Amino acid sequence: MNQSSQVINAVSDAQRGIRYRVLIVEDDSDIRELIRYNLAQEGFIVEEAADGLQALERVRRRAPDLMVLDLMLPGMPGLEICRQMRNGSETANLPILIVTAKGAEVDKVIGLEMGADDYVVKPFSPRELIARVKALLRRANPSSNTESAGAYERGRLRMDFDTYQVFVDGVRRELALREFELLRFFVQHPLRVYTREQLLDMVWGRDTFVEPRTVDVHVRRLRQHIERDDANPELILTVRSVGYRFNPEALG
């Protein structure tokens, strides 16, 4: 595997003339303005929606590069919007950052299981939110690398790192962005055991602010995609009291 394909280009997006489009879905006008102002200051093109139906209409007209999504919205809850994004062919890999006052662990787990890529609890630091947005966009847009990222193929699993496609037994599986990145890390680093904290650093990045439980949620979703029996995994193995390791021998 060509390691150079994994190196993040040191040239900033702004220097390359790239301006990402972010859709803010938030019914509180003050919070929406706070997010809009800070994103605009960083050079993002910002669109806004005050409710779920308005958000879906904006996405239909033109899908954004990232969505900042409140959970408690009038008319249509944020989790339903998240579900529809993940089920849409053009938005299945859209990075989604949930921003909400619902900070209980169960709420975070539900949001991540519905397909969100990251989670920020109100009240939040604008600086932290911008850092998370940038981290998600870096992972969603690997085209800043000029070399082909290549592919992984063994037994019943094939991953195309350029197109972000995954096939299991010849059937395409729709993985969310973070699920793909986690699986890519596993296949490129087989057999070794990694703690949750190590996986957060290496897959999510050190400039993100997520909890170790996030890794468990994404591993559980990955197993549903790639394991023959996700209740008895043979590919992504749990090492009790330590973390996880990837077992390529089970691919055949």
Protein backbone atom coordinates (compact mmCIF):
# COMPACT_ATOMS: atom_id res chain seq x y z
CA MET A 1 0.00 0.00 0.00
CA ASN A 2 1.34 3.37 -0.98
CA GLN A 3 1.56 5.29 2.28
CA SER A 4 1.86 8.65 0.51
CA SER A 5 -1.79 8.43 -0.50
CA GLN A 6 -2.78 8.76 3.16
CA VAL A 7 -0.86 11.98 3.80
CA ILE A 8 -3.04 15.06 4.17
CA ASN A 9 -1.95 17.81 1.80
CA ALA A 10 -0.31 20.58 3.80
CA VAL A 11 -1.74 23.22 1.46
CA SER A 12 -4.95 24.61 2.94
CA ASP A 13 -8.28 24.49 1.12
CA ALA A 14 -8.35 28.27 1.01
CA GLN A 15 -4.96 28.34 -0.70
CA ARG A 16 -6.29 25.92 -3.35
CA GLY A 17 -9.34 28.11 -3.90
CA ILE A 18 -11.73 25.49 -2.51
CA ARG A 19 -14.86 26.84 -0.80
CA TYR A 20 -17.07 24.20 0.77
CA ARG A 21 -20.83 24.63 1.04
CA VAL A 22 -22.31 24.04 4.51
CA LEU A 23 -26.04 23.80 5.24
CA ILE A 24 -27.10 24.82 8.76
CA VAL A 25 -30.40 23.26 9.84
CA GLU A 26 -31.40 25.06 13.05
CA ASP A 27 -34.68 26.64 14.17
CA ASP A 28 -33.13 29.01 16.72
CA SER A 29 -32.24 32.11 14.71
CA ASP A 30 -29.61 33.31 17.20
CA ILE A 31 -27.74 30.00 17.18
CA ARG A 32 -28.10 29.77 13.41
CA GLU A 33 -26.58 33.23 13.03
CA LEU A 34 -23.72 32.35 15.43
CA ILE A 35 -22.82 29.28 13.37
CA ARG A 36 -23.30 31.10 10.07
CA TYR A 37 -21.03 33.99 11.11
CA ASN A 38 -18.20 31.75 12.28
CA LEU A 39 -18.36 29.52 9.21
CA ALA A 40 -18.40 32.54 6.90
CA GLN A 41 -15.38 33.97 8.70
CA GLU A 42 -13.51 30.77 7.78
CA GLY A 43 -14.43 31.13 4.11
CA PHE A 44 -17.30 28.64 3.88
CA ILE A 45 -20.33 29.18 1.67
CA VAL A 46 -23.23 28.96 4.10
CA GLU A 47 -26.87 28.10 3.50
CA GLU A 48 -29.56 28.03 6.18
CA ALA A 49 -32.79 26.17 6.90
CA ALA A 50 -35.10 26.79 9.85
CA ASP A 51 -36.91 23.44 9.71
CA GLY A 52 -36.66 19.96 8.27
CA LEU A 53 -38.80 20.46 5.19
CA GLN A 54 -36.85 23.55 4.21
CA ALA A 55 -33.63 21.60 4.69
CA LEU A 56 -34.78 18.76 2.42
CA GLU A 57 -35.79 21.26 -0.26
CA ARG A 58 -32.36 22.90 -0.17
CA VAL A 59 -30.66 19.51 -0.40
CA ARG A 60 -32.85 18.56 -3.38
CA ARG A 61 -31.82 21.75 -5.17
CA ARG A 62 -28.14 21.26 -4.41
CA ALA A 63 -26.56 18.90 -1.92
CA PRO A 64 -24.12 20.68 0.42
CA ASP A 65 -20.64 19.45 1.26
CA LEU A 66 -21.60 19.16 4.94
CA MET A 67 -24.71 19.53 7.08
CA VAL A 68 -24.83 21.04 10.58
CA LEU A 69 -28.03 19.57 12.00
CA ASP A 70 -30.11 20.33 15.09
CA LEU A 71 -32.13 17.40 16.45
CA MET A 72 -35.16 19.23 17.85
CA LEU A 73 -36.74 20.86 14.81
CA PRO A 74 -40.34 21.86 14.04
CA GLY A 75 -42.23 19.62 11.63
CA MET A 76 -39.58 16.96 11.14
CA PRO A 77 -37.04 15.84 13.76
CA GLY A 78 -33.36 15.95 12.96
CA LEU A 79 -32.98 12.18 13.28
CA GLU A 80 -35.47 11.70 10.45
CA ILE A 81 -33.50 14.11 8.27
CA CYS A 82 -30.34 12.19 9.11
CA ARG A 83 -32.04 8.91 8.16
CA GLN A 84 -33.22 10.32 4.83
CA MET A 85 -29.75 11.63 4.04
CA ARG A 86 -28.21 8.21 4.65
CA ASN A 87 -30.86 6.49 2.51
CA GLY A 88 -30.42 8.85 -0.45
CA SER A 89 -28.02 7.78 -3.18
CA GLU A 90 -26.58 11.30 -3.57
CA THR A 91 -26.36 12.04 0.16
CA ALA A 92 -25.38 8.68 1.65
CA ASN A 93 -21.85 9.93 2.35
CA LEU A 94 -22.77 13.52 3.25
CA PRO A 95 -20.89 14.47 6.45
CA ILE A 96 -23.43 15.30 9.18
CA LEU A 97 -22.50 17.18 12.35
CA ILE A 98 -25.27 17.15 14.94
CA VAL A 99 -25.52 20.23 17.15
CA THR A 100 -28.09 19.85 19.90
CA ALA A 101 -28.98 20.50 23.52
CA LYS A 102 -29.65 16.77 24.03
CA GLY A 103 -26.36 15.80 25.63
CA ALA A 104 -27.21 12.50 27.33
CA GLU A 105 -25.09 9.53 26.25
CA VAL A 106 -28.14 7.69 24.93
CA ASP A 107 -28.97 10.65 22.67
CA LYS A 108 -25.43 10.70 21.29
CA VAL A 109 -25.50 6.96 20.63
CA ILE A 110 -28.87 7.21 18.84
CA GLY A 111 -27.62 10.09 16.71
CA LEU A 112 -24.48 8.21 15.71
CA GLU A 113 -26.42 5.04 15.01
CA MET A 114 -28.73 6.99 12.70
CA GLY A 115 -25.70 7.96 10.63
CA ALA A 116 -24.32 11.20 12.08
CA ASP A 117 -20.54 11.57 11.81
CA ASP A 118 -20.00 13.78 14.86
CA TYR A 119 -21.91 15.36 17.75
CA VAL A 120 -21.65 18.77 19.46
CA VAL A 121 -23.68 19.64 22.55
CA LYS A 122 -25.09 23.11 23.19
CA PRO A 123 -23.79 25.40 24.51
CA PHE A 124 -20.71 24.89 22.34
CA SER A 125 -17.50 26.67 21.52
CA PRO A 126 -17.58 28.13 17.97
CA ARG A 127 -13.88 27.28 17.69
CA GLU A 128 -14.57 23.65 18.55
CA LEU A 129 -17.43 23.49 16.05
CA ILE A 130 -15.25 24.90 13.26
CA ALA A 131 -12.50 22.38 14.09
CA ARG A 132 -14.99 19.52 13.80
CA VAL A 133 -16.39 20.84 10.52
CA LYS A 134 -12.91 21.09 9.02
CA ALA A 135 -11.95 17.60 10.23
CA LEU A 136 -15.08 16.06 8.68
CA LEU A 137 -14.50 17.85 5.38
CA ARG A 138 -10.87 16.72 5.20
CA ARG A 139 -11.96 13.12 5.45
CA ALA A 140 -14.87 13.56 3.06
CA ASN A 141 -12.73 15.17 0.35
CA PRO A 142 -9.56 13.16 -0.18
CA SER A 143 -9.22 14.62 -3.69
CA SER A 144 -6.60 17.06 -2.34
CA ASN A 145 -4.21 14.13 -2.78
CA THR A 146 -2.95 13.95 -6.35
CA GLU A 147 -2.14 10.24 -6.25
CA SER A 148 -4.66 7.45 -6.57
CA ALA A 149 -5.56 6.06 -3.16
CA GLY A 150 -5.81 2.51 -4.52
CA ALA A 151 -7.93 -0.36 -3.29
CA TYR A 152 -8.07 -3.31 -0.93
CA GLU A 153 -9.31 -6.71 -2.01
CA ARG A 154 -9.23 -9.97 -0.11
CA GLY A 155 -11.71 -12.81 -0.14
CA ARG A 156 -15.23 -11.48 0.04
CA LEU A 157 -14.27 -7.86 0.77
CA ARG A 158 -13.29 -5.15 -1.71
CA MET A 159 -12.73 -1.46 -0.94
CA ASP A 160 -12.05 1.23 -3.52
CA PHE A 161 -10.29 4.10 -1.74
CA ASP A 162 -10.82 6.50 -4.66
CA THR A 163 -14.58 6.09 -5.01
CA TYR A 164 -15.32 5.17 -1.37
CA GLN A 165 -17.17 2.04 -2.48
CA VAL A 166 -17.30 -1.18 -0.45
CA PHE A 167 -18.38 -4.58 -1.76
CA VAL A 168 -19.02 -7.66 0.38
CA ASP A 169 -19.55 -10.90 -1.56
CA GLY A 170 -19.94 -8.75 -4.67
CA VAL A 171 -22.78 -6.70 -3.17
CA ARG A 172 -22.23 -2.97 -2.66
CA ARG A 173 -22.68 -1.78 0.91
CA GLU A 174 -23.53 1.85 1.65
CA LEU A 175 -21.19 2.95 4.43
CA ALA A 176 -21.25 6.36 6.05
CA LEU A 177 -18.03 8.35 5.71
CA ARG A 178 -16.72 7.56 9.19
CA GLU A 179 -17.57 3.88 8.83
CA PHE A 180 -15.54 3.75 5.61
CA GLU A 181 -12.58 5.53 7.21
CA LEU A 182 -12.63 3.17 10.18
CA LEU A 183 -12.78 0.10 7.96
CA ARG A 184 -9.96 1.46 5.80
CA PHE A 185 -7.81 1.89 8.89
CA PHE A 186 -8.56 -1.66 10.00
CA VAL A 187 -7.69 -3.28 6.68
CA GLN A 188 -4.49 -1.27 6.43
CA HIS A 189 -3.48 -2.20 9.99
CA PRO A 190 -4.52 -5.83 10.45
CA LEU A 191 -4.00 -8.06 13.51
CA ARG A 192 -2.67 -5.36 15.83
CA VAL A 193 -4.89 -4.39 18.76
CA TYR A 194 -5.88 -0.71 19.00
CA THR A 195 -7.51 1.00 21.95
CA ARG A 196 -10.55 3.20 21.46
CA GLU A 197 -8.42 6.27 22.18
CA GLN A 198 -5.89 5.26 19.51
CA LEU A 199 -8.65 4.74 16.96
CA LEU A 200 -10.12 8.14 17.77
CA ASP A 201 -6.73 9.79 17.20
CA MET A 202 -5.94 7.91 13.99
CA VAL A 203 -9.38 7.86 12.33
CA TRP A 204 -11.25 10.85 13.77
CA GLY A 205 -8.14 12.99 14.25
CA ARG A 206 -6.70 14.76 17.24
CA ASP A 207 -8.48 18.01 16.43
CA THR A 208 -11.91 16.44 16.98
CA PHE A 209 -13.65 16.13 20.31
CA VAL A 210 -15.55 12.87 20.50
CA GLU A 211 -15.91 10.27 23.22
CA PRO A 212 -14.43 6.75 23.14
CA ARG A 213 -17.97 5.30 23.09
CA THR A 214 -18.23 6.70 19.55
CA VAL A 215 -15.82 3.98 18.38
CA ASP A 216 -18.11 1.26 19.78
CA VAL A 217 -21.09 2.67 17.87
CA HIS A 218 -19.22 2.73 14.57
CA VAL A 219 -17.75 -0.74 15.09
CA ARG A 220 -21.25 -2.07 15.72
CA ARG A 221 -22.53 -0.50 12.49
CA LEU A 222 -19.53 -1.76 10.54
CA ARG A 223 -20.12 -5.29 11.74
CA GLN A 224 -23.68 -5.10 10.44
CA HIS A 225 -22.27 -4.29 7.00
CA ILE A 226 -19.38 -6.73 6.68
CA GLU A 227 -19.77 -9.63 9.12
CA ARG A 228 -21.62 -12.81 8.21
CA ASP A 229 -23.15 -12.70 11.69
CA ASP A 230 -22.66 -9.38 13.46
CA ALA A 231 -23.64 -10.98 16.78
CA ASN A 232 -20.62 -13.30 16.41
CA PRO A 233 -18.01 -11.20 14.61
CA GLU A 234 -14.98 -12.82 13.02
CA LEU A 235 -13.46 -9.82 11.23
CA ILE A 236 -13.53 -6.97 13.75
CA LEU A 237 -12.73 -8.65 17.04
CA THR A 238 -13.19 -7.21 20.51
CA VAL A 239 -10.18 -7.57 22.80
CA ARG A 240 -11.70 -7.34 26.25
CA SER A 241 -10.59 -4.36 28.35
CA VAL A 242 -8.33 -3.14 25.51
CA GLY A 243 -10.04 -2.37 22.19
CA TYR A 244 -10.35 -3.93 18.74
CA ARG A 245 -8.30 -5.74 16.10
CA PHE A 246 -9.01 -6.67 12.50
CA ASN A 247 -8.67 -10.32 11.50
CA PRO A 248 -8.21 -10.58 7.69
CA GLU A 249 -7.85 -14.38 7.87
CA ALA A 250 -11.64 -14.61 8.24
CA LEU A 251 -12.08 -13.12 4.75
CA GLY A 252 -10.84 -16.35 3.19
